[in-house]
Amino acid sequence: MDTAHLTIFPGKGFPPHRHKEGDEMIYVLSGRMEYSYWGAGMTEPATVLLGPGDSNYIRANELHKVWNSGSEDLVMIIASQKVAPMEFFDDFPSDYNAAGALVPVLPWEGACPPGQELVKDEL
């Protein structure tokens, strides 16, 4: 399981992307998130606004975009079965099944493979 505590500045976020092999859960701690998604069977993307205390479940391969549409930092916790590999897009594609730019592993996985992390006493 991959987890992250993320802060996204106002007017910033993640472009449309999908996680190829794992579902994801987002929990908003503070700020305002504009969350756009395009799931299998939908004809086009939909957008919802999420705020503190809101959560969202994203199935593997569901195209989604996370954007801080507020004036303060967006702080959230993310948990995923497996974040990478991922596909990124500049914008939502015209076809749900289109291929994006593949990111096979996250940058820190090459420097510190899962299971090789240092614990506090080893630092």
PDB file of N, CA and C in Angstrom:
ATOM      1  N   MET A   1       0.847  -1.174   0.000  1.00  0.00           N
ATOM      2  CA  MET A   1       0.000   0.000   0.000  1.00  0.00           C
ATOM      3  C   MET A   1       0.891   1.235   0.000  1.00  0.00           C
ATOM      4  N   ASP A   2       0.566   2.189  -0.852  1.00  0.00           N
ATOM      5  CA  ASP A   2       1.258   3.476  -0.917  1.00  0.00           C
ATOM      6  C   ASP A   2       0.390   4.520  -0.227  1.00  0.00           C
ATOM      7  N   THR A   3       1.017   5.375   0.576  1.00  0.00           N
ATOM      8  CA  THR A   3       0.293   6.467   1.231  1.00  0.00           C
ATOM      9  C   THR A   3       1.074   7.761   1.058  1.00  0.00           C
ATOM     10  N   ALA A   4       0.376   8.875   1.118  1.00  0.00           N
ATOM     11  CA  ALA A   4       1.035  10.183   1.003  1.00  0.00           C
ATOM     12  C   ALA A   4       0.208  11.235   1.729  1.00  0.00           C
ATOM     13  N   HIS A   5       0.908  12.191   2.304  1.00  0.00           N
ATOM     14  CA  HIS A   5       0.304  13.387   2.902  1.00  0.00           C
ATOM     15  C   HIS A   5       0.749  14.522   1.991  1.00  0.00           C
ATOM     16  N   LEU A   6      -0.157  15.065   1.198  1.00  0.00           N
ATOM     17  CA  LEU A   6       0.194  16.034   0.160  1.00  0.00           C
ATOM     18  C   LEU A   6      -0.377  17.414   0.439  1.00  0.00           C
ATOM     19  N   THR A   7       0.398  18.420   0.048  1.00  0.00           N
ATOM     20  CA  THR A   7      -0.071  19.803   0.045  1.00  0.00           C
ATOM     21  C   THR A   7       0.017  20.312  -1.384  1.00  0.00           C
ATOM     22  N   ILE A   8      -1.083  20.842  -1.894  1.00  0.00           N
ATOM     23  CA  ILE A   8      -1.120  21.411  -3.239  1.00  0.00           C
ATOM     24  C   ILE A   8      -1.467  22.887  -3.102  1.00  0.00           C
ATOM     25  N   PHE A   9      -0.636  23.735  -3.697  1.00  0.00           N
ATOM     26  CA  PHE A   9      -0.820  25.178  -3.603  1.00  0.00           C
ATOM     27  C   PHE A   9      -1.998  25.641  -4.460  1.00  0.00           C
ATOM     28  N   PRO A  10      -2.585  26.803  -4.146  1.00  0.00           N
ATOM     29  CA  PRO A  10      -3.703  27.329  -4.937  1.00  0.00           C
ATOM     30  C   PRO A  10      -3.345  27.439  -6.427  1.00  0.00           C
ATOM     31  N   GLY A  11      -4.274  27.052  -7.280  1.00  0.00           N
ATOM     32  CA  GLY A  11      -4.065  27.127  -8.718  1.00  0.00           C
ATOM     33  C   GLY A  11      -3.156  26.051  -9.276  1.00  0.00           C
ATOM     34  N   LYS A  12      -2.842  25.040  -8.483  1.00  0.00           N
ATOM     35  CA  LYS A  12      -1.960  23.945  -8.917  1.00  0.00           C
ATOM     36  C   LYS A  12      -2.677  22.616  -8.722  1.00  0.00           C
ATOM     37  N   GLY A  13      -2.095  21.552  -9.262  1.00  0.00           N
ATOM     38  CA  GLY A  13      -2.670  20.231  -9.076  1.00  0.00           C
ATOM     39  C   GLY A  13      -2.049  19.217 -10.003  1.00  0.00           C
ATOM     40  N   PHE A  14      -2.742  18.115 -10.169  1.00  0.00           N
ATOM     41  CA  PHE A  14      -2.305  17.038 -11.045  1.00  0.00           C
ATOM     42  C   PHE A  14      -3.189  17.028 -12.281  1.00  0.00           C
ATOM     43  N   PRO A  15      -2.583  16.973 -13.484  1.00  0.00           N
ATOM     44  CA  PRO A  15      -3.387  16.903 -14.701  1.00  0.00           C
ATOM     45  C   PRO A  15      -4.100  15.549 -14.772  1.00  0.00           C
ATOM     46  N   PRO A  16      -4.963  15.366 -15.765  1.00  0.00           N
ATOM     47  CA  PRO A  16      -5.638  14.076 -15.891  1.00  0.00           C
ATOM     48  C   PRO A  16      -4.629  12.926 -15.935  1.00  0.00           C
ATOM     49  N   HIS A  17      -4.933  11.893 -15.176  1.00  0.00           N
ATOM     50  CA  HIS A  17      -4.058  10.726 -15.111  1.00  0.00           C
ATOM     51  C   HIS A  17      -4.863   9.529 -14.630  1.00  0.00           C
ATOM     52  N   ARG A  18      -4.257   8.362 -14.736  1.00  0.00           N
ATOM     53  CA  ARG A  18      -4.879   7.160 -14.193  1.00  0.00           C
ATOM     54  C   ARG A  18      -3.804   6.258 -13.605  1.00  0.00           C
ATOM     55  N   HIS A  19      -4.180   5.545 -12.554  1.00  0.00           N
ATOM     56  CA  HIS A  19      -3.307   4.568 -11.917  1.00  0.00           C
ATOM     57  C   HIS A  19      -3.671   3.217 -12.525  1.00  0.00           C
ATOM     58  N   LYS A  20      -2.708   2.585 -13.169  1.00  0.00           N
ATOM     59  CA  LYS A  20      -2.978   1.388 -13.959  1.00  0.00           C
ATOM     60  C   LYS A  20      -3.295   0.146 -13.129  1.00  0.00           C
ATOM     61  N   GLU A  21      -2.729   0.052 -11.913  1.00  0.00           N
ATOM     62  CA  GLU A  21      -2.841  -1.217 -11.191  1.00  0.00           C
ATOM     63  C   GLU A  21      -3.417  -1.111  -9.785  1.00  0.00           C
ATOM     64  N   GLY A  22      -3.906   0.042  -9.380  1.00  0.00           N
ATOM     65  CA  GLY A  22      -4.404   0.124  -8.012  1.00  0.00           C
ATOM     66  C   GLY A  22      -5.482   1.177  -7.821  1.00  0.00           C
ATOM     67  N   ASP A  23      -6.449   0.851  -6.982  1.00  0.00           N
ATOM     68  CA  ASP A  23      -7.464   1.818  -6.578  1.00  0.00           C
ATOM     69  C   ASP A  23      -6.822   2.857  -5.658  1.00  0.00           C
ATOM     70  N   GLU A  24      -7.483   3.996  -5.487  1.00  0.00           N
ATOM     71  CA  GLU A  24      -6.937   5.090  -4.685  1.00  0.00           C
ATOM     72  C   GLU A  24      -8.054   5.707  -3.839  1.00  0.00           C
ATOM     73  N   MET A  25      -7.693   6.174  -2.658  1.00  0.00           N
ATOM     74  CA  MET A  25      -8.627   6.869  -1.771  1.00  0.00           C
ATOM     75  C   MET A  25      -8.010   8.209  -1.403  1.00  0.00           C
ATOM     76  N   ILE A  26      -8.790   9.281  -1.542  1.00  0.00           N
ATOM     77  CA  ILE A  26      -8.348  10.632  -1.185  1.00  0.00           C
ATOM     78  C   ILE A  26      -9.208  11.125  -0.028  1.00  0.00           C
ATOM     79  N   TYR A  27      -8.563  11.726   0.977  1.00  0.00           N
ATOM     80  CA  TYR A  27      -9.272  12.342   2.102  1.00  0.00           C
ATOM     81  C   TYR A  27      -8.768  13.771   2.243  1.00  0.00           C
ATOM     82  N   VAL A  28      -9.658  14.748   2.159  1.00  0.00           N
ATOM     83  CA  VAL A  28      -9.281  16.159   2.231  1.00  0.00           C
ATOM     84  C   VAL A  28      -9.231  16.602   3.693  1.00  0.00           C
ATOM     85  N   LEU A  29      -8.059  17.100   4.108  1.00  0.00           N
ATOM     86  CA  LEU A  29      -7.891  17.629   5.461  1.00  0.00           C
ATOM     87  C   LEU A  29      -8.270  19.103   5.525  1.00  0.00           C
ATOM     88  N   SER A  30      -7.812  19.882   4.543  1.00  0.00           N
ATOM     89  CA  SER A  30      -8.144  21.307   4.498  1.00  0.00           C
ATOM     90  C   SER A  30      -8.019  21.807   3.068  1.00  0.00           C
ATOM     91  N   GLY A  31      -8.669  22.923   2.801  1.00  0.00           N
ATOM     92  CA  GLY A  31      -8.648  23.501   1.460  1.00  0.00           C
ATOM     93  C   GLY A  31      -9.827  23.022   0.628  1.00  0.00           C
ATOM     94  N   ARG A  32      -9.744  23.327  -0.659  1.00  0.00           N
ATOM     95  CA  ARG A  32     -10.844  23.030  -1.581  1.00  0.00           C
ATOM     96  C   ARG A  32     -10.281  22.343  -2.819  1.00  0.00           C
ATOM     97  N   MET A  33     -10.851  21.202  -3.167  1.00  0.00           N
ATOM     98  CA  MET A  33     -10.392  20.427  -4.319  1.00  0.00           C
ATOM     99  C   MET A  33     -11.464  20.398  -5.398  1.00  0.00           C
ATOM    100  N   GLU A  34     -11.042  20.697  -6.609  1.00  0.00           N
ATOM    101  CA  GLU A  34     -11.888  20.469  -7.778  1.00  0.00           C
ATOM    102  C   GLU A  34     -11.451  19.118  -8.334  1.00  0.00           C
ATOM    103  N   TYR A  35     -12.325  18.131  -8.233  1.00  0.00           N
ATOM    104  CA  TYR A  35     -11.997  16.772  -8.634  1.00  0.00           C
ATOM    105  C   TYR A  35     -12.799  16.414  -9.881  1.00  0.00           C
ATOM    106  N   SER A  36     -12.084  16.146 -10.969  1.00  0.00           N
ATOM    107  CA  SER A  36     -12.728  15.751 -12.220  1.00  0.00           C
ATOM    108  C   SER A  36     -12.396  14.289 -12.483  1.00  0.00           C
ATOM    109  N   TYR A  37     -13.367  13.546 -12.971  1.00  0.00           N
ATOM    110  CA  TYR A  37     -13.150  12.121 -13.199  1.00  0.00           C
ATOM    111  C   TYR A  37     -13.920  11.651 -14.425  1.00  0.00           C
ATOM    112  N   TRP A  38     -13.413  10.574 -15.006  1.00  0.00           N
ATOM    113  CA  TRP A  38     -14.037   9.967 -16.164  1.00  0.00           C
ATOM    114  C   TRP A  38     -13.919   8.468 -15.999  1.00  0.00           C
ATOM    115  N   GLY A  39     -14.962   7.835 -15.522  1.00  0.00           N
ATOM    116  CA  GLY A  39     -14.955   6.397 -15.287  1.00  0.00           C
ATOM    117  C   GLY A  39     -15.456   5.628 -16.495  1.00  0.00           C
ATOM    118  N   ALA A  40     -15.193   4.337 -16.487  1.00  0.00           N
ATOM    119  CA  ALA A  40     -15.662   3.463 -17.559  1.00  0.00           C
ATOM    120  C   ALA A  40     -17.179   3.583 -17.672  1.00  0.00           C
ATOM    121  N   GLY A  41     -17.663   3.673 -18.892  1.00  0.00           N
ATOM    122  CA  GLY A  41     -19.100   3.773 -19.121  1.00  0.00           C
ATOM    123  C   GLY A  41     -19.629   5.198 -19.149  1.00  0.00           C
ATOM    124  N   MET A  42     -18.824   6.176 -18.706  1.00  0.00           N
ATOM    125  CA  MET A  42     -19.252   7.578 -18.759  1.00  0.00           C
ATOM    126  C   MET A  42     -18.944   8.132 -20.145  1.00  0.00           C
ATOM    127  N   THR A  43     -19.765   9.033 -20.641  1.00  0.00           N
ATOM    128  CA  THR A  43     -19.538   9.593 -21.972  1.00  0.00           C
ATOM    129  C   THR A  43     -18.585  10.780 -21.957  1.00  0.00           C
ATOM    130  N   GLU A  44     -18.394  11.395 -20.780  1.00  0.00           N
ATOM    131  CA  GLU A  44     -17.478  12.531 -20.656  1.00  0.00           C
ATOM    132  C   GLU A  44     -17.116  12.716 -19.181  1.00  0.00           C
ATOM    133  N   PRO A  45     -16.073  13.507 -18.907  1.00  0.00           N
ATOM    134  CA  PRO A  45     -15.681  13.738 -17.513  1.00  0.00           C
ATOM    135  C   PRO A  45     -16.747  14.518 -16.737  1.00  0.00           C
ATOM    136  N   ALA A  46     -16.773  14.305 -15.433  1.00  0.00           N
ATOM    137  CA  ALA A  46     -17.638  15.046 -14.512  1.00  0.00           C
ATOM    138  C   ALA A  46     -16.750  15.694 -13.456  1.00  0.00           C
ATOM    139  N   THR A  47     -17.232  16.763 -12.818  1.00  0.00           N
ATOM    140  CA  THR A  47     -16.449  17.482 -11.808  1.00  0.00           C
ATOM    141  C   THR A  47     -17.286  17.680 -10.553  1.00  0.00           C
ATOM    142  N   VAL A  48     -16.641  17.467  -9.405  1.00  0.00           N
ATOM    143  CA  VAL A  48     -17.263  17.730  -8.107  1.00  0.00           C
ATOM    144  C   VAL A  48     -16.279  18.540  -7.271  1.00  0.00           C
ATOM    145  N   LEU A  49     -16.792  19.279  -6.298  1.00  0.00           N
ATOM    146  CA  LEU A  49     -15.949  20.025  -5.370  1.00  0.00           C
ATOM    147  C   LEU A  49     -15.894  19.273  -4.049  1.00  0.00           C
ATOM    148  N   LEU A  50     -14.694  19.140  -3.499  1.00  0.00           N
ATOM    149  CA  LEU A  50     -14.491  18.462  -2.225  1.00  0.00           C
ATOM    150  C   LEU A  50     -13.834  19.421  -1.248  1.00  0.00           C
ATOM    151  N   GLY A  51     -14.225  19.343   0.015  1.00  0.00           N
ATOM    152  CA  GLY A  51     -13.654  20.191   1.053  1.00  0.00           C
ATOM    153  C   GLY A  51     -13.255  19.366   2.259  1.00  0.00           C
ATOM    154  N   PRO A  52     -12.876  20.022   3.347  1.00  0.00           N
ATOM    155  CA  PRO A  52     -12.421  19.325   4.545  1.00  0.00           C
ATOM    156  C   PRO A  52     -13.418  18.257   5.012  1.00  0.00           C
ATOM    157  N   GLY A  53     -12.888  17.069   5.255  1.00  0.00           N
ATOM    158  CA  GLY A  53     -13.716  15.956   5.705  1.00  0.00           C
ATOM    159  C   GLY A  53     -14.303  15.118   4.589  1.00  0.00           C
ATOM    160  N   ASP A  54     -14.196  15.585   3.343  1.00  0.00           N
ATOM    161  CA  ASP A  54     -14.706  14.819   2.205  1.00  0.00           C
ATOM    162  C   ASP A  54     -13.673  13.785   1.774  1.00  0.00           C
ATOM    163  N   SER A  55     -14.163  12.690   1.222  1.00  0.00           N
ATOM    164  CA  SER A  55     -13.271  11.658   0.704  1.00  0.00           C
ATOM    165  C   SER A  55     -13.783  11.192  -0.646  1.00  0.00           C
ATOM    166  N   ASN A  56     -12.910  10.517  -1.368  1.00  0.00           N
ATOM    167  CA  ASN A  56     -13.266  10.036  -2.690  1.00  0.00           C
ATOM    168  C   ASN A  56     -12.524   8.738  -2.967  1.00  0.00           C
ATOM    169  N   TYR A  57     -13.210   7.809  -3.597  1.00  0.00           N
ATOM    170  CA  TYR A  57     -12.640   6.519  -3.983  1.00  0.00           C
ATOM    171  C   TYR A  57     -12.499   6.493  -5.497  1.00  0.00           C
ATOM    172  N   ILE A  58     -11.317   6.129  -5.976  1.00  0.00           N
ATOM    173  CA  ILE A  58     -11.034   6.108  -7.410  1.00  0.00           C
ATOM    174  C   ILE A  58     -10.625   4.694  -7.798  1.00  0.00           C
ATOM    175  N   ARG A  59     -11.337   4.101  -8.708  1.00  0.00           N
ATOM    176  CA  ARG A  59     -10.992   2.754  -9.178  1.00  0.00           C
ATOM    177  C   ARG A  59      -9.764   2.806 -10.088  1.00  0.00           C
ATOM    178  N   ALA A  60      -9.003   1.726 -10.110  1.00  0.00           N
ATOM    179  CA  ALA A  60      -7.863   1.616 -11.022  1.00  0.00           C
ATOM    180  C   ALA A  60      -8.338   1.901 -12.444  1.00  0.00           C
ATOM    181  N   ASN A  61      -7.530   2.607 -13.193  1.00  0.00           N
ATOM    182  CA  ASN A  61      -7.771   2.968 -14.596  1.00  0.00           C
ATOM    183  C   ASN A  61      -8.807   4.065 -14.800  1.00  0.00           C
ATOM    184  N   GLU A  62      -9.388   4.615 -13.735  1.00  0.00           N
ATOM    185  CA  GLU A  62     -10.331   5.726 -13.889  1.00  0.00           C
ATOM    186  C   GLU A  62      -9.545   7.018 -14.090  1.00  0.00           C
ATOM    187  N   LEU A  63      -9.793   7.688 -15.193  1.00  0.00           N
ATOM    188  CA  LEU A  63      -9.133   8.972 -15.440  1.00  0.00           C
ATOM    189  C   LEU A  63      -9.616   9.987 -14.419  1.00  0.00           C
ATOM    190  N   HIS A  64      -8.684  10.733 -13.835  1.00  0.00           N
ATOM    191  CA  HIS A  64      -9.075  11.754 -12.866  1.00  0.00           C
ATOM    192  C   HIS A  64      -8.054  12.880 -12.819  1.00  0.00           C
ATOM    193  N   LYS A  65      -8.518  14.026 -12.347  1.00  0.00           N
ATOM    194  CA  LYS A  65      -7.704  15.238 -12.240  1.00  0.00           C
ATOM    195  C   LYS A  65      -7.975  15.851 -10.873  1.00  0.00           C
ATOM    196  N   VAL A  66      -6.914  16.243 -10.186  1.00  0.00           N
ATOM    197  CA  VAL A  66      -7.021  16.868  -8.871  1.00  0.00           C
ATOM    198  C   VAL A  66      -6.489  18.286  -8.995  1.00  0.00           C
ATOM    199  N   TRP A  67      -7.289  19.284  -8.610  1.00  0.00           N
ATOM    200  CA  TRP A  67      -6.895  20.679  -8.759  1.00  0.00           C
ATOM    201  C   TRP A  67      -7.302  21.474  -7.528  1.00  0.00           C
ATOM    202  N   ASN A  68      -6.394  22.333  -7.054  1.00  0.00           N
ATOM    203  CA  ASN A  68      -6.716  23.225  -5.945  1.00  0.00           C
ATOM    204  C   ASN A  68      -7.395  24.454  -6.531  1.00  0.00           C
ATOM    205  N   SER A  69      -8.705  24.519  -6.381  1.00  0.00           N
ATOM    206  CA  SER A  69      -9.471  25.632  -6.943  1.00  0.00           C
ATOM    207  C   SER A  69      -9.726  26.727  -5.915  1.00  0.00           C
ATOM    208  N   GLY A  70      -9.156  26.578  -4.721  1.00  0.00           N
ATOM    209  CA  GLY A  70      -9.375  27.556  -3.664  1.00  0.00           C
ATOM    210  C   GLY A  70      -8.249  28.565  -3.552  1.00  0.00           C
ATOM    211  N   SER A  71      -8.301  29.371  -2.503  1.00  0.00           N
ATOM    212  CA  SER A  71      -7.288  30.411  -2.277  1.00  0.00           C
ATOM    213  C   SER A  71      -6.308  30.026  -1.171  1.00  0.00           C
ATOM    214  N   GLU A  72      -6.491  28.848  -0.576  1.00  0.00           N
ATOM    215  CA  GLU A  72      -5.564  28.375   0.458  1.00  0.00           C
ATOM    216  C   GLU A  72      -5.014  27.011   0.044  1.00  0.00           C
ATOM    217  N   ASP A  73      -3.972  26.558   0.737  1.00  0.00           N
ATOM    218  CA  ASP A  73      -3.382  25.265   0.422  1.00  0.00           C
ATOM    219  C   ASP A  73      -4.421  24.153   0.552  1.00  0.00           C
ATOM    220  N   LEU A  74      -4.346  23.194  -0.348  1.00  0.00           N
ATOM    221  CA  LEU A  74      -5.155  21.981  -0.284  1.00  0.00           C
ATOM    222  C   LEU A  74      -4.288  20.909   0.365  1.00  0.00           C
ATOM    223  N   VAL A  75      -4.733  20.380   1.496  1.00  0.00           N
ATOM    224  CA  VAL A  75      -3.977  19.349   2.207  1.00  0.00           C
ATOM    225  C   VAL A  75      -4.823  18.087   2.224  1.00  0.00           C
ATOM    226  N   MET A  76      -4.210  16.966   1.812  1.00  0.00           N
ATOM    227  CA  MET A  76      -4.965  15.723   1.724  1.00  0.00           C
ATOM    228  C   MET A  76      -4.090  14.524   2.036  1.00  0.00           C
ATOM    229  N   ILE A  77      -4.745  13.435   2.340  1.00  0.00           N
ATOM    230  CA  ILE A  77      -4.079  12.153   2.529  1.00  0.00           C
ATOM    231  C   ILE A  77      -4.552  11.244   1.405  1.00  0.00           C
ATOM    232  N   ILE A  78      -3.599  10.534   0.812  1.00  0.00           N
ATOM    233  CA  ILE A  78      -3.915   9.604  -0.264  1.00  0.00           C
ATOM    234  C   ILE A  78      -3.435   8.215   0.143  1.00  0.00           C
ATOM    235  N   ALA A  79      -4.245   7.213  -0.120  1.00  0.00           N
ATOM    236  CA  ALA A  79      -3.856   5.817   0.075  1.00  0.00           C
ATOM    237  C   ALA A  79      -4.211   5.064  -1.200  1.00  0.00           C
ATOM    238  N   SER A  80      -3.286   4.244  -1.672  1.00  0.00           N
ATOM    239  CA  SER A  80      -3.501   3.508  -2.909  1.00  0.00           C
ATOM    240  C   SER A  80      -2.900   2.115  -2.794  1.00  0.00           C
ATOM    241  N   GLN A  81      -3.546   1.162  -3.444  1.00  0.00           N
ATOM    242  CA  GLN A  81      -2.981  -0.181  -3.494  1.00  0.00           C
ATOM    243  C   GLN A  81      -1.631  -0.143  -4.194  1.00  0.00           C
ATOM    244  N   LYS A  82      -1.537   0.657  -5.246  1.00  0.00           N
ATOM    245  CA  LYS A  82      -0.294   0.796  -6.003  1.00  0.00           C
ATOM    246  C   LYS A  82      -0.419   2.044  -6.874  1.00  0.00           C
ATOM    247  N   VAL A  83       0.361   3.072  -6.571  1.00  0.00           N
ATOM    248  CA  VAL A  83       0.261   4.338  -7.298  1.00  0.00           C
ATOM    249  C   VAL A  83       0.768   4.190  -8.733  1.00  0.00           C
ATOM    250  N   ALA A  84       1.942   3.596  -8.921  1.00  0.00           N
ATOM    251  CA  ALA A  84       2.518   3.435 -10.258  1.00  0.00           C
ATOM    252  C   ALA A  84       2.359   1.977 -10.688  1.00  0.00           C
ATOM    253  N   PRO A  85       2.292   1.745 -11.990  1.00  0.00           N
ATOM    254  CA  PRO A  85       2.462   2.680 -13.094  1.00  0.00           C
ATOM    255  C   PRO A  85       1.239   3.586 -13.280  1.00  0.00           C
ATOM    256  N   MET A  86       1.529   4.763 -13.854  1.00  0.00           N
ATOM    257  CA  MET A  86       0.502   5.773 -14.100  1.00  0.00           C
ATOM    258  C   MET A  86       0.586   6.236 -15.549  1.00  0.00           C
ATOM    259  N   GLU A  87      -0.514   6.758 -16.064  1.00  0.00           N
ATOM    260  CA  GLU A  87      -0.537   7.424 -17.362  1.00  0.00           C
ATOM    261  C   GLU A  87      -0.992   8.853 -17.143  1.00  0.00           C
ATOM    262  N   PHE A  88      -0.259   9.811 -17.735  1.00  0.00           N
ATOM    263  CA  PHE A  88      -0.607  11.228 -17.623  1.00  0.00           C
ATOM    264  C   PHE A  88      -1.035  11.785 -18.975  1.00  0.00           C
ATOM    265  N   PHE A  89      -1.912  12.778 -18.925  1.00  0.00           N
ATOM    266  CA  PHE A  89      -2.425  13.453 -20.116  1.00  0.00           C
ATOM    267  C   PHE A  89      -2.343  14.961 -19.896  1.00  0.00           C
ATOM    268  N   ASP A  90      -2.171  15.727 -20.983  1.00  0.00           N
ATOM    269  CA  ASP A  90      -2.199  17.188 -20.874  1.00  0.00           C
ATOM    270  C   ASP A  90      -3.600  17.673 -20.521  1.00  0.00           C
ATOM    271  N   ASP A  91      -4.603  17.000 -21.071  1.00  0.00           N
ATOM    272  CA  ASP A  91      -6.009  17.302 -20.802  1.00  0.00           C
ATOM    273  C   ASP A  91      -6.768  15.993 -20.967  1.00  0.00           C
ATOM    274  N   PHE A  92      -8.042  15.975 -20.629  1.00  0.00           N
ATOM    275  CA  PHE A  92      -8.804  14.750 -20.828  1.00  0.00           C
ATOM    276  C   PHE A  92      -8.806  14.412 -22.319  1.00  0.00           C
ATOM    277  N   PRO A  93      -8.483  13.170 -22.683  1.00  0.00           N
ATOM    278  CA  PRO A  93      -8.461  12.792 -24.099  1.00  0.00           C
ATOM    279  C   PRO A  93      -9.881  12.695 -24.657  1.00  0.00           C
ATOM    280  N   SER A  94      -9.982  12.655 -25.977  1.00  0.00           N
ATOM    281  CA  SER A  94     -11.304  12.538 -26.600  1.00  0.00           C
ATOM    282  C   SER A  94     -11.854  11.118 -26.472  1.00  0.00           C
ATOM    283  N   ASP A  95     -10.975  10.150 -26.205  1.00  0.00           N
ATOM    284  CA  ASP A  95     -11.375   8.752 -26.061  1.00  0.00           C
ATOM    285  C   ASP A  95     -10.924   8.240 -24.693  1.00  0.00           C
ATOM    286  N   TYR A  96     -11.845   7.702 -23.925  1.00  0.00           N
ATOM    287  CA  TYR A  96     -11.534   7.194 -22.580  1.00  0.00           C
ATOM    288  C   TYR A  96     -10.391   6.181 -22.601  1.00  0.00           C
ATOM    289  N   ASN A  97     -10.290   5.389 -23.663  1.00  0.00           N
ATOM    290  CA  ASN A  97      -9.280   4.334 -23.747  1.00  0.00           C
ATOM    291  C   ASN A  97      -7.960   4.793 -24.350  1.00  0.00           C
ATOM    292  N   ALA A  98      -7.805   6.072 -24.620  1.00  0.00           N
ATOM    293  CA  ALA A  98      -6.554   6.584 -25.191  1.00  0.00           C
ATOM    294  C   ALA A  98      -5.387   6.306 -24.243  1.00  0.00           C
ATOM    295  N   ALA A  99      -4.211   6.152 -24.822  1.00  0.00           N
ATOM    296  CA  ALA A  99      -3.003   5.928 -24.019  1.00  0.00           C
ATOM    297  C   ALA A  99      -2.346   7.266 -23.711  1.00  0.00           C
ATOM    298  N   GLY A 100      -1.848   7.405 -22.500  1.00  0.00           N
ATOM    299  CA  GLY A 100      -1.154   8.621 -22.086  1.00  0.00           C
ATOM    300  C   GLY A 100       0.336   8.368 -21.959  1.00  0.00           C
ATOM    301  N   ALA A 101       1.042   9.341 -21.406  1.00  0.00           N
ATOM    302  CA  ALA A 101       2.480   9.210 -21.152  1.00  0.00           C
ATOM    303  C   ALA A 101       2.650   8.309 -19.930  1.00  0.00           C
ATOM    304  N   LEU A 102       3.292   7.166 -20.116  1.00  0.00           N
ATOM    305  CA  LEU A 102       3.423   6.171 -19.059  1.00  0.00           C
ATOM    306  C   LEU A 102       4.571   6.508 -18.118  1.00  0.00           C
ATOM    307  N   VAL A 103       4.297   6.471 -16.825  1.00  0.00           N
ATOM    308  CA  VAL A 103       5.313   6.602 -15.772  1.00  0.00           C
ATOM    309  C   VAL A 103       5.330   5.242 -15.076  1.00  0.00           C
ATOM    310  N   PRO A 104       6.341   4.374 -15.405  1.00  0.00           N
ATOM    311  CA  PRO A 104       6.323   3.012 -14.871  1.00  0.00           C
ATOM    312  C   PRO A 104       6.592   2.914 -13.372  1.00  0.00           C
ATOM    313  N   VAL A 105       7.480   3.763 -12.855  1.00  0.00           N
ATOM    314  CA  VAL A 105       7.770   3.790 -11.417  1.00  0.00           C
ATOM    315  C   VAL A 105       7.880   5.238 -10.981  1.00  0.00           C
ATOM    316  N   LEU A 106       7.633   5.485  -9.726  1.00  0.00           N
ATOM    317  CA  LEU A 106       7.787   6.834  -9.188  1.00  0.00           C
ATOM    318  C   LEU A 106       9.259   7.095  -8.912  1.00  0.00           C
ATOM    319  N   PRO A 107       9.719   8.348  -9.027  1.00  0.00           N
ATOM    320  CA  PRO A 107      11.157   8.646  -8.906  1.00  0.00           C
ATOM    321  C   PRO A 107      11.806   8.084  -7.652  1.00  0.00           C
ATOM    322  N   TRP A 108      11.132   8.156  -6.515  1.00  0.00           N
ATOM    323  CA  TRP A 108      11.748   7.691  -5.279  1.00  0.00           C
ATOM    324  C   TRP A 108      11.806   6.170  -5.187  1.00  0.00           C
ATOM    325  N   GLU A 109      11.036   5.451  -6.012  1.00  0.00           N
ATOM    326  CA  GLU A 109      11.095   3.993  -5.975  1.00  0.00           C
ATOM    327  C   GLU A 109      12.421   3.474  -6.519  1.00  0.00           C
ATOM    328  N   GLY A 110      13.029   4.211  -7.449  1.00  0.00           N
ATOM    329  CA  GLY A 110      14.333   3.809  -7.964  1.00  0.00           C
ATOM    330  C   GLY A 110      15.438   4.053  -6.958  1.00  0.00           C
ATOM    331  N   ALA A 111      15.329   5.137  -6.189  1.00  0.00           N
ATOM    332  CA  ALA A 111      16.347   5.472  -5.195  1.00  0.00           C
ATOM    333  C   ALA A 111      16.144   4.689  -3.905  1.00  0.00           C
ATOM    334  N   CYS A 112      14.918   4.343  -3.600  1.00  0.00           N
ATOM    335  CA  CYS A 112      14.598   3.631  -2.356  1.00  0.00           C
ATOM    336  C   CYS A 112      13.466   2.653  -2.651  1.00  0.00           C
ATOM    337  N   PRO A 113      13.811   1.465  -3.197  1.00  0.00           N
ATOM    338  CA  PRO A 113      12.764   0.508  -3.547  1.00  0.00           C
ATOM    339  C   PRO A 113      11.896   0.143  -2.350  1.00  0.00           C
ATOM    340  N   PRO A 114      10.612  -0.137  -2.581  1.00  0.00           N
ATOM    341  CA  PRO A 114       9.741  -0.534  -1.475  1.00  0.00           C
ATOM    342  C   PRO A 114      10.355  -1.676  -0.673  1.00  0.00           C
ATOM    343  N   GLY A 115      10.265  -1.562   0.633  1.00  0.00           N
ATOM    344  CA  GLY A 115      10.834  -2.562   1.526  1.00  0.00           C
ATOM    345  C   GLY A 115      12.257  -2.264   1.949  1.00  0.00           C
ATOM    346  N   GLN A 116      12.875  -1.238   1.348  1.00  0.00           N
ATOM    347  CA  GLN A 116      14.259  -0.886   1.664  1.00  0.00           C
ATOM    348  C   GLN A 116      14.359   0.424   2.432  1.00  0.00           C
ATOM    349  N   GLU A 117      13.245   0.913   2.931  1.00  0.00           N
ATOM    350  CA  GLU A 117      13.233   2.184   3.639  1.00  0.00           C
ATOM    351  C   GLU A 117      14.014   2.082   4.946  1.00  0.00           C
ATOM    352  N   LEU A 118      14.623   3.195   5.336  1.00  0.00           N
ATOM    353  CA  LEU A 118      15.305   3.254   6.623  1.00  0.00           C
ATOM    354  C   LEU A 118      14.288   3.557   7.707  1.00  0.00           C
ATOM    355  N   VAL A 119      14.455   2.928   8.838  1.00  0.00           N
ATOM    356  CA  VAL A 119      13.602   3.256   9.974  1.00  0.00           C
ATOM    357  C   VAL A 119      14.309   4.304  10.812  1.00  0.00           C
ATOM    358  N   LYS A 120      13.588   4.964  11.692  1.00  0.00           N
ATOM    359  CA  LYS A 120      14.113   6.090  12.463  1.00  0.00           C
ATOM    360  C   LYS A 120      15.439   5.755  13.150  1.00  0.00           C
ATOM    361  N   ASP A 121      15.573   4.564  13.730  1.00  0.00           N
ATOM    362  CA  ASP A 121      16.793   4.195  14.449  1.00  0.00           C
ATOM    363  C   ASP A 121      17.991   4.001  13.525  1.00  0.00           C
ATOM    364  N   GLU A 122      17.759   3.833  12.217  1.00  0.00           N
ATOM    365  CA  GLU A 122      18.852   3.623  11.272  1.00  0.00           C
ATOM    366  C   GLU A 122      19.358   4.919  10.667  1.00  0.00           C
ATOM    367  N   LEU A 123      18.683   6.017  10.902  1.00  0.00           N
ATOM    368  CA  LEU A 123      19.076   7.295  10.302  1.00  0.00           C
ATOM    369  C   LEU A 123      20.270   7.889  10.986  1.00  0.00           C
TER     370      LEU A 123
END
